[in-house]
């Protein structure tokens, strides 16, 4: 009597295993990509906050946010975001904007001299109130 020993997997077993891996990847990959994008936003928000603080220090020292018609403080850098500043009200106000670039192009945030934080664009919509991010129905500060 000859004994048959099976070494390896059958084709059906291999297809089932690959199907399970494919389904798990299809569910997990979009969540992971969304998580990675959300993790890039705080860098821009921190840059805007620190810039607003530096502009306020400048205003306390000189009484104006402007220097030769443009924003007095130099703009910080933030990965995946371009920062810009504009002077309002003859140097008595400013508005700083962080606009996403590349795969973050759908994101844009701003802050002004009154510390009004606005979400200008976001893939999931813009909050109805003055804030950068929402947790449920309230601003997440």
Protein backbone atom coordinates (compact mmCIF):
# COMPACT_ATOMS: atom_id res chain seq x y z
CA UNK A 1 0.00 0.00 0.00
CA UNK A 2 1.38 3.36 -1.08
CA UNK A 3 0.81 6.37 1.12
CA UNK A 4 0.25 9.78 -0.49
CA UNK A 5 1.44 12.72 1.49
CA UNK A 6 0.34 16.17 0.55
CA UNK A 7 2.99 18.84 0.42
CA UNK A 8 1.74 22.42 -0.09
CA UNK A 9 -1.59 24.01 -0.82
CA UNK A 10 -4.24 23.26 -3.39
CA UNK A 11 -5.12 25.88 -5.95
CA UNK A 12 -8.48 26.55 -4.28
CA UNK A 13 -6.84 27.09 -0.88
CA UNK A 14 -4.43 29.54 -2.46
CA UNK A 15 -7.27 31.46 -4.15
CA UNK A 16 -9.21 31.70 -0.87
CA UNK A 17 -6.16 33.02 0.97
CA UNK A 18 -5.46 35.61 -1.75
CA UNK A 19 -9.10 36.68 -1.77
CA UNK A 20 -9.03 37.28 1.99
CA UNK A 21 -5.82 39.31 1.69
CA UNK A 22 -7.36 41.33 -1.15
CA UNK A 23 -10.52 42.12 0.82
CA UNK A 24 -8.51 43.16 3.90
CA UNK A 25 -6.28 45.39 1.76
CA UNK A 26 -9.30 46.97 0.09
CA UNK A 27 -10.74 47.90 3.49
CA UNK A 28 -7.54 48.90 5.31
CA UNK A 29 -5.69 50.87 2.61
CA UNK A 30 -8.18 53.78 2.26
CA UNK A 31 -8.29 54.16 6.05
CA UNK A 32 -4.51 54.19 6.23
CA UNK A 33 -4.20 56.78 3.45
CA UNK A 34 -6.77 59.00 5.21
CA UNK A 35 -4.84 58.63 8.48
CA UNK A 36 -1.56 59.63 6.81
CA UNK A 37 -3.18 62.72 5.27
CA UNK A 38 -4.70 63.79 8.60
CA UNK A 39 -1.30 63.40 10.26
CA UNK A 40 0.18 66.01 7.89
CA UNK A 41 -2.28 68.78 8.82
CA UNK A 42 -1.01 69.64 12.36
CA UNK A 43 2.34 70.77 10.92
CA UNK A 44 0.57 73.53 8.98
CA UNK A 45 -1.66 74.48 11.91
CA UNK A 46 1.37 74.74 14.21
CA UNK A 47 3.14 76.92 11.64
CA UNK A 48 0.13 79.24 11.41
CA UNK A 49 -0.17 79.48 15.20
CA UNK A 50 3.50 80.27 15.70
CA UNK A 51 3.38 82.80 12.87
CA UNK A 52 0.38 84.57 14.44
CA UNK A 53 2.29 84.73 17.74
CA UNK A 54 5.30 86.30 16.03
CA UNK A 55 3.06 88.80 14.26
CA UNK A 56 1.44 89.73 17.58
CA UNK A 57 4.88 90.28 19.11
CA UNK A 58 5.72 92.55 16.18
CA UNK A 59 2.49 94.51 16.67
CA UNK A 60 3.20 94.95 20.38
CA UNK A 61 6.68 96.31 19.56
CA UNK A 62 5.81 98.63 16.66
CA UNK A 63 2.02 99.09 16.53
CA UNK A 64 1.83 97.58 13.04
CA UNK A 65 1.85 94.14 11.45
CA UNK A 66 3.40 95.58 8.31
CA UNK A 67 6.95 96.34 7.28
CA UNK A 68 7.30 98.22 3.98
CA UNK A 69 3.77 97.25 2.98
CA UNK A 70 4.14 93.50 3.52
CA UNK A 71 3.93 91.19 6.51
CA UNK A 72 6.68 91.98 9.01
CA UNK A 73 7.55 88.46 10.19
CA UNK A 74 9.09 85.96 7.80
CA UNK A 75 6.85 83.05 6.92
CA UNK A 76 7.70 79.64 8.38
CA UNK A 77 7.84 76.51 6.27
CA UNK A 78 5.50 73.57 6.63
CA UNK A 79 5.86 70.30 4.74
CA UNK A 80 3.12 69.81 2.10
CA UNK A 81 1.81 73.36 2.63
CA UNK A 82 2.57 76.79 1.19
CA UNK A 83 2.14 79.67 3.63
CA UNK A 84 1.24 83.21 2.63
CA UNK A 85 0.42 86.42 4.45
CA UNK A 86 -1.40 89.60 3.51
CA UNK A 87 -1.74 92.91 5.34
CA UNK A 88 -5.19 94.39 5.96
CA UNK A 89 -6.47 97.67 7.36
CA UNK A 90 -3.29 99.67 6.60
CA UNK A 91 -1.06 97.47 8.73
CA UNK A 92 -3.51 97.07 11.59
CA UNK A 93 -4.48 93.55 10.53
CA UNK A 94 -3.15 90.49 8.75
CA UNK A 95 -4.33 87.22 7.35
CA UNK A 96 -2.06 84.17 7.08
CA UNK A 97 -3.06 81.21 4.94
CA UNK A 98 -1.68 77.67 4.71
CA UNK A 99 -2.63 76.05 1.40
CA UNK A 100 -1.94 72.39 0.82
CA UNK A 101 0.13 71.22 -2.12
CA UNK A 102 0.48 67.86 -3.83
CA UNK A 103 -1.72 65.23 -2.21
CA UNK A 104 -2.74 67.81 0.44
CA UNK A 105 -4.15 70.25 -2.16
CA UNK A 106 -7.70 69.86 -0.81
CA UNK A 107 -6.70 71.42 2.55
CA UNK A 108 -6.47 75.15 3.32
CA UNK A 109 -6.49 77.01 6.65
CA UNK A 110 -6.14 80.63 7.79
CA UNK A 111 -5.65 82.79 10.87
CA UNK A 112 -5.91 86.55 11.35
CA UNK A 113 -4.96 89.21 13.89
CA UNK A 114 -8.05 88.40 15.98
CA UNK A 115 -7.00 84.71 16.15
CA UNK A 116 -9.97 83.75 13.99
CA UNK A 117 -9.13 80.28 12.75
CA UNK A 118 -10.86 79.29 9.54
CA UNK A 119 -10.90 76.12 7.52
CA UNK A 120 -11.04 77.41 3.97
CA UNK A 121 -11.17 74.00 2.28
CA UNK A 122 -11.23 70.41 3.47
CA UNK A 123 -12.13 67.16 1.64
CA UNK A 124 -14.94 66.42 4.11
CA UNK A 125 -16.37 69.95 4.11
CA UNK A 126 -15.80 73.22 5.93
CA UNK A 127 -17.00 73.73 9.53
CA UNK A 128 -19.81 76.27 9.94
CA UNK A 129 -17.97 77.92 12.84
CA UNK A 130 -14.57 79.63 13.14
CA UNK A 131 -12.16 76.77 13.84
CA UNK A 132 -9.64 74.52 12.16
CA UNK A 133 -11.08 71.14 13.06
CA UNK A 134 -14.25 69.69 14.48
CA UNK A 135 -14.86 66.86 16.89
CA UNK A 136 -18.49 66.00 16.53
CA UNK A 137 -20.40 69.28 16.61
CA UNK A 138 -17.82 71.34 18.56
CA UNK A 139 -14.50 72.87 17.67
CA UNK A 140 -11.49 70.73 18.49
CA UNK A 141 -8.91 73.07 19.97
